[in-house]
Amino acid sequence: MTMPELPDMGDPIPREGPTPSQYTWHRNALLFFGVVSPWIFLYVATRNVGLLWLAVLNLISTYLGLYVIVRAWRRDQMRRVYVALASSLGFLILWTSLFKILN
């Protein structure tokens, strides 16, 4: 019995949207920097109540960045995702360095 030869299928069509590795990286970054780090910062800031305002600013800026990231992700605006993630990390570095200097 002979097997029929398959016809030429042409070039493969590239998959649209983010790859699984991009999705995993974004998810892990959002979980750590967007959810966990502000609460760690708040816990550390409770030792010095006079600098609690820095922790509150960190919470506000990080969750605002997280909101922008999630909205941009759903609209498939990857540039905005990267900008919001970078600005959230920048604010985290800013608040952490201010906390070190003022403490």
Protein backbone atom coordinates (compact mmCIF):
# COMPACT_ATOMS: atom_id res chain seq x y z
CA MET A 1 0.00 0.00 0.00
CA THR A 2 1.44 3.38 -0.97
CA MET A 3 1.01 6.55 1.04
CA PRO A 4 -0.13 9.66 -0.84
CA GLU A 5 2.29 12.59 -0.79
CA LEU A 6 1.08 15.69 1.03
CA PRO A 7 0.79 18.90 -0.98
CA ASP A 8 3.11 21.85 -0.30
CA MET A 9 1.61 23.84 2.57
CA GLY A 10 3.56 27.03 1.85
CA ASP A 11 5.38 29.18 4.37
CA PRO A 12 4.26 28.89 7.98
CA ILE A 13 2.16 31.77 9.25
CA PRO A 14 3.81 33.48 12.24
CA ARG A 15 1.87 33.31 15.48
CA GLU A 16 0.32 36.60 16.46
CA GLY A 17 0.65 38.05 19.94
CA PRO A 18 3.28 37.57 22.62
CA THR A 19 5.25 34.36 22.86
CA PRO A 20 4.87 32.19 25.98
CA SER A 21 8.28 33.32 27.27
CA GLN A 22 7.29 36.99 26.93
CA TYR A 23 4.05 36.29 28.75
CA THR A 24 5.86 34.47 31.57
CA TRP A 25 8.42 37.26 31.95
CA HIS A 26 5.74 39.96 32.12
CA ARG A 27 3.66 37.95 34.55
CA ASN A 28 6.56 37.34 36.93
CA ALA A 29 7.72 40.97 36.73
CA LEU A 30 4.20 42.21 37.44
CA LEU A 31 3.74 39.86 40.34
CA PHE A 32 6.97 40.86 42.03
CA PHE A 33 7.32 44.56 41.26
CA GLY A 34 3.65 45.36 41.04
CA VAL A 35 2.22 43.42 43.95
CA VAL A 36 4.90 42.23 46.37
CA SER A 37 7.53 44.98 46.46
CA PRO A 38 5.27 47.86 47.65
CA TRP A 39 4.15 45.81 50.63
CA ILE A 40 7.73 44.86 51.50
CA PHE A 41 8.64 48.54 51.29
CA LEU A 42 5.67 49.44 53.51
CA TYR A 43 6.70 46.82 56.07
CA VAL A 44 10.26 48.18 56.20
CA ALA A 45 8.99 51.78 56.40
CA THR A 46 6.91 51.06 59.50
CA ARG A 47 10.13 51.08 61.54
CA ASN A 48 10.45 54.81 60.89
CA VAL A 49 6.96 56.31 60.96
CA GLY A 50 8.25 59.71 59.80
CA LEU A 51 9.12 58.19 56.42
CA LEU A 52 5.85 56.35 55.95
CA TRP A 53 4.86 58.88 53.29
CA LEU A 54 7.55 57.41 51.02
CA ALA A 55 5.97 53.98 51.30
CA VAL A 56 2.55 55.43 50.50
CA LEU A 57 3.95 57.22 47.43
CA ASN A 58 5.58 53.94 46.41
CA LEU A 59 2.25 52.12 46.73
CA ILE A 60 0.44 54.76 44.68
CA SER A 61 3.03 54.98 41.90
CA THR A 62 3.48 51.22 41.66
CA TYR A 63 -0.22 50.39 41.55
CA LEU A 64 -0.84 53.19 39.06
CA GLY A 65 1.91 51.72 36.88
CA LEU A 66 0.39 48.26 37.31
CA TYR A 67 -2.98 49.60 36.18
CA VAL A 68 -1.45 51.16 33.05
CA ILE A 69 0.48 47.95 32.31
CA VAL A 70 -2.61 45.75 32.55
CA ARG A 71 -4.68 48.09 30.37
CA ALA A 72 -1.94 48.31 27.75
CA TRP A 73 -1.44 44.55 27.84
CA ARG A 74 -5.12 43.93 27.16
CA ARG A 75 -5.07 46.40 24.26
CA ASP A 76 -1.86 44.78 22.92
CA GLN A 77 0.14 48.03 23.18
CA MET A 78 3.52 46.52 24.04
CA ARG A 79 5.40 49.81 23.92
CA ARG A 80 3.19 51.25 26.61
CA VAL A 81 3.68 48.09 28.69
CA TYR A 82 7.46 48.54 28.58
CA VAL A 83 7.27 52.27 29.35
CA ALA A 84 4.94 51.73 32.30
CA LEU A 85 7.07 48.89 33.64
CA ALA A 86 10.24 50.97 33.31
CA SER A 87 8.63 53.96 35.03
CA SER A 88 7.33 51.78 37.86
CA LEU A 89 10.82 50.37 38.38
CA GLY A 90 12.27 53.88 38.19
CA PHE A 91 9.90 55.10 40.87
CA LEU A 92 10.73 52.08 43.03
CA ILE A 93 14.43 52.93 42.74
CA LEU A 94 13.70 56.61 43.48
CA TRP A 95 11.62 55.93 46.60
CA THR A 96 14.09 53.33 47.86
CA SER A 97 17.07 55.65 47.43
CA LEU A 98 15.20 58.52 49.11
CA PHE A 99 14.33 56.20 51.97
CA LYS A 100 18.01 55.21 52.36
CA ILE A 101 19.15 58.85 52.30
CA LEU A 102 16.54 60.11 54.76
CA ASN A 103 16.75 57.16 57.12
